């Protein structure tokens, strides 16, 4: 190449890290409250699969359950393939932290037994949760919103961490 001539520089777009533009909390809340209308997929720009999900009634609910688990585990992406922006810090920032994914899965599938509270070390409040049936449901609603907005802490007052 002669000196002074412009260099041909090409950038591989696949090597550029994708910005996390869509919010994890918003996606999860849209799925829970408007999942039957595929609102979470429309929000993340996945219009084609959102329409398909609408037409198949969420794959008879199975597709919605899969999306729910994918959002909780942090594997759900927007239309560009970028992961969703989490309200929780990364595991690398607190290697001893309890996982938000595990906590949410325990809350959803074993929440009636306070499994999420026992997992994060809140034994006393876990027992109270059991005895009062989740504060007759009020405590359950509060735990849900605190979990999805990033405010739930373990027994040592440490914020939960995301593994994605």
Protein backbone atom coordinates (compact mmCIF):
# COMPACT_ATOMS: atom_id res chain seq x y z
CA UNK A 1 0.00 0.00 0.00
CA UNK A 2 1.43 3.38 -0.97
CA UNK A 3 2.01 5.89 1.78
CA UNK A 4 -0.73 8.47 2.10
CA UNK A 5 -3.43 6.27 0.54
CA UNK A 6 -6.57 5.64 2.55
CA UNK A 7 -6.76 2.30 4.30
CA UNK A 8 -9.74 0.06 3.71
CA UNK A 9 -11.09 -0.61 7.17
CA UNK A 10 -14.06 -2.88 7.61
CA UNK A 11 -15.66 -3.60 10.93
CA UNK A 12 -17.40 -6.84 11.64
CA UNK A 13 -20.71 -5.80 13.29
CA UNK A 14 -20.88 -9.16 15.08
CA UNK A 15 -17.79 -8.24 17.10
CA UNK A 16 -19.28 -5.00 18.44
CA UNK A 17 -20.96 -5.55 21.82
CA UNK A 18 -24.68 -4.90 21.66
CA UNK A 19 -26.08 -2.21 23.94
CA UNK A 20 -28.70 -3.42 26.39
CA UNK A 21 -31.60 -1.18 25.46
CA UNK A 22 -34.60 -3.16 26.66
CA UNK A 23 -35.36 -3.55 30.34
CA UNK A 24 -35.66 -6.93 32.08
CA UNK A 25 -38.23 -5.71 34.63
CA UNK A 26 -40.48 -4.22 31.95
CA UNK A 27 -40.29 -7.41 29.87
CA UNK A 28 -41.14 -9.59 32.86
CA UNK A 29 -44.08 -7.42 33.95
CA UNK A 30 -45.44 -7.27 30.39
CA UNK A 31 -45.25 -11.06 30.16
CA UNK A 32 -47.01 -11.57 33.48
CA UNK A 33 -49.81 -9.04 32.99
CA UNK A 34 -50.16 -8.91 29.18
CA UNK A 35 -48.46 -12.14 28.08
CA UNK A 36 -51.64 -13.37 26.44
CA UNK A 37 -51.28 -10.47 24.01
CA UNK A 38 -47.53 -11.09 23.50
CA UNK A 39 -46.78 -7.59 24.81
CA UNK A 40 -43.30 -8.63 25.96
CA UNK A 41 -42.37 -9.74 22.44
CA UNK A 42 -43.74 -6.56 20.84
CA UNK A 43 -41.80 -4.50 23.42
CA UNK A 44 -38.56 -6.30 22.51
CA UNK A 45 -39.13 -5.78 18.78
CA UNK A 46 -39.94 -9.40 17.97
CA UNK A 47 -43.07 -8.53 15.99
CA UNK A 48 -43.17 -11.65 13.80
CA UNK A 49 -43.00 -14.11 16.66
CA UNK A 50 -45.35 -11.91 18.71
CA UNK A 51 -48.02 -12.23 16.03
CA UNK A 52 -47.39 -15.97 15.76
CA UNK A 53 -47.66 -16.27 19.54
CA UNK A 54 -50.97 -14.39 19.43
CA UNK A 55 -52.37 -16.65 16.72
CA UNK A 56 -51.42 -19.84 18.59
CA UNK A 57 -52.60 -18.58 21.98
CA UNK A 58 -49.05 -18.63 23.24
CA UNK A 59 -48.54 -22.14 21.95
CA UNK A 60 -51.40 -23.16 24.25
CA UNK A 61 -49.51 -21.53 27.12
CA UNK A 62 -46.32 -23.53 26.67
CA UNK A 63 -44.58 -20.79 24.68
CA UNK A 64 -45.48 -18.25 27.38
CA UNK A 65 -44.04 -20.51 30.09
CA UNK A 66 -40.83 -20.90 28.09
CA UNK A 67 -40.59 -17.12 27.60
CA UNK A 68 -41.19 -16.63 31.33
CA UNK A 69 -38.35 -18.98 32.26
CA UNK A 70 -36.06 -17.45 29.61
CA UNK A 71 -36.66 -13.93 30.96
CA UNK A 72 -36.01 -15.06 34.54
CA UNK A 73 -32.81 -16.85 33.54
CA UNK A 74 -31.62 -13.89 31.46
CA UNK A 75 -31.50 -15.74 28.14
CA UNK A 76 -34.35 -13.77 26.51
CA UNK A 77 -33.01 -11.16 24.06
CA UNK A 78 -34.37 -8.27 22.05
CA UNK A 79 -34.66 -8.34 18.24
CA UNK A 80 -30.95 -7.50 17.82
CA UNK A 81 -29.89 -10.37 20.06
CA UNK A 82 -28.84 -8.08 22.91
CA UNK A 83 -29.60 -9.34 26.42
CA UNK A 84 -32.09 -7.44 28.54
CA UNK A 85 -30.84 -4.81 31.01
CA UNK A 86 -31.05 -6.20 34.56
CA UNK A 87 -31.73 -4.15 37.71
CA UNK A 88 -29.37 -6.47 39.60
CA UNK A 89 -25.55 -6.24 39.64
CA UNK A 90 -23.47 -8.86 37.86
CA UNK A 91 -22.21 -11.95 39.68
CA UNK A 92 -18.62 -10.74 39.15
CA UNK A 93 -19.38 -7.73 41.37
CA UNK A 94 -20.46 -9.97 44.26
CA UNK A 95 -19.29 -13.60 43.77
CA UNK A 96 -20.90 -14.67 47.07
CA UNK A 97 -24.29 -13.19 46.14
CA UNK A 98 -27.46 -15.19 45.79
CA UNK A 99 -28.86 -15.50 42.26
CA UNK A 100 -31.96 -13.54 41.25
CA UNK A 101 -32.81 -16.26 38.72
CA UNK A 102 -32.83 -19.00 41.35
CA UNK A 103 -34.77 -16.79 43.78
CA UNK A 104 -37.46 -15.98 41.19
CA UNK A 105 -37.82 -19.60 40.09
CA UNK A 106 -38.22 -20.65 43.73
CA UNK A 107 -40.74 -17.84 44.25
CA UNK A 108 -42.82 -18.89 41.24
CA UNK A 109 -42.80 -22.64 41.72
CA UNK A 110 -42.39 -22.99 45.51
CA UNK A 111 -43.37 -19.55 46.76
CA UNK A 112 -46.24 -20.92 48.80
CA UNK A 113 -43.65 -22.71 50.90
CA UNK A 114 -41.45 -19.58 51.22
CA UNK A 115 -38.62 -21.36 49.39
CA UNK A 116 -37.29 -18.07 48.02
CA UNK A 117 -36.96 -16.64 51.56
CA UNK A 118 -35.21 -19.77 52.87
CA UNK A 119 -32.84 -19.70 49.86
CA UNK A 120 -31.63 -16.16 50.64
CA UNK A 121 -31.21 -17.02 54.33
CA UNK A 122 -34.29 -15.27 55.72
CA UNK A 123 -35.32 -18.20 57.90
CA UNK A 124 -37.38 -16.22 60.45
CA UNK A 125 -39.44 -14.37 57.87
CA UNK A 126 -39.72 -17.58 55.88
CA UNK A 127 -41.40 -19.28 58.82
CA UNK A 128 -43.71 -16.28 59.32
CA UNK A 129 -44.50 -16.38 55.60
CA UNK A 130 -45.50 -20.04 55.96
CA UNK A 131 -47.61 -19.51 59.08
CA UNK A 132 -49.49 -16.51 57.66
CA UNK A 133 -49.89 -17.98 54.17
CA UNK A 134 -47.78 -15.21 52.70
CA UNK A 135 -49.48 -12.57 54.83
CA UNK A 136 -52.77 -13.75 53.29
CA UNK A 137 -51.34 -12.93 49.89
CA UNK A 138 -50.23 -9.37 50.64
CA UNK A 139 -46.67 -10.39 51.48
CA UNK A 140 -46.59 -12.46 48.29
CA UNK A 141 -47.50 -9.45 46.12
CA UNK A 142 -44.94 -7.27 47.90
CA UNK A 143 -42.20 -9.91 47.50
CA UNK A 144 -43.01 -10.22 43.80
CA UNK A 145 -42.70 -6.50 43.08
CA UNK A 146 -39.57 -6.11 45.22
CA UNK A 147 -38.01 -9.08 43.40
CA UNK A 148 -38.70 -7.82 39.88
CA UNK A 149 -37.68 -4.22 40.58
CA UNK A 150 -34.26 -5.09 42.00
CA UNK A 151 -34.80 -4.37 45.68
CA UNK A 152 -34.83 -7.87 47.20
CA UNK A 153 -31.84 -8.55 49.47
CA UNK A 154 -30.52 -11.62 51.24
CA UNK A 155 -30.23 -12.09 55.02
CA UNK A 156 -26.91 -10.18 55.07
CA UNK A 157 -28.60 -7.21 53.32
CA UNK A 158 -26.65 -7.95 50.12
CA UNK A 159 -28.38 -7.27 46.79
CA UNK A 160 -29.07 -10.37 44.74
CA UNK A 161 -26.96 -10.80 41.61
CA UNK A 162 -27.73 -11.69 38.00
CA UNK A 163 -25.71 -14.32 36.21
CA UNK A 164 -26.27 -12.83 32.78
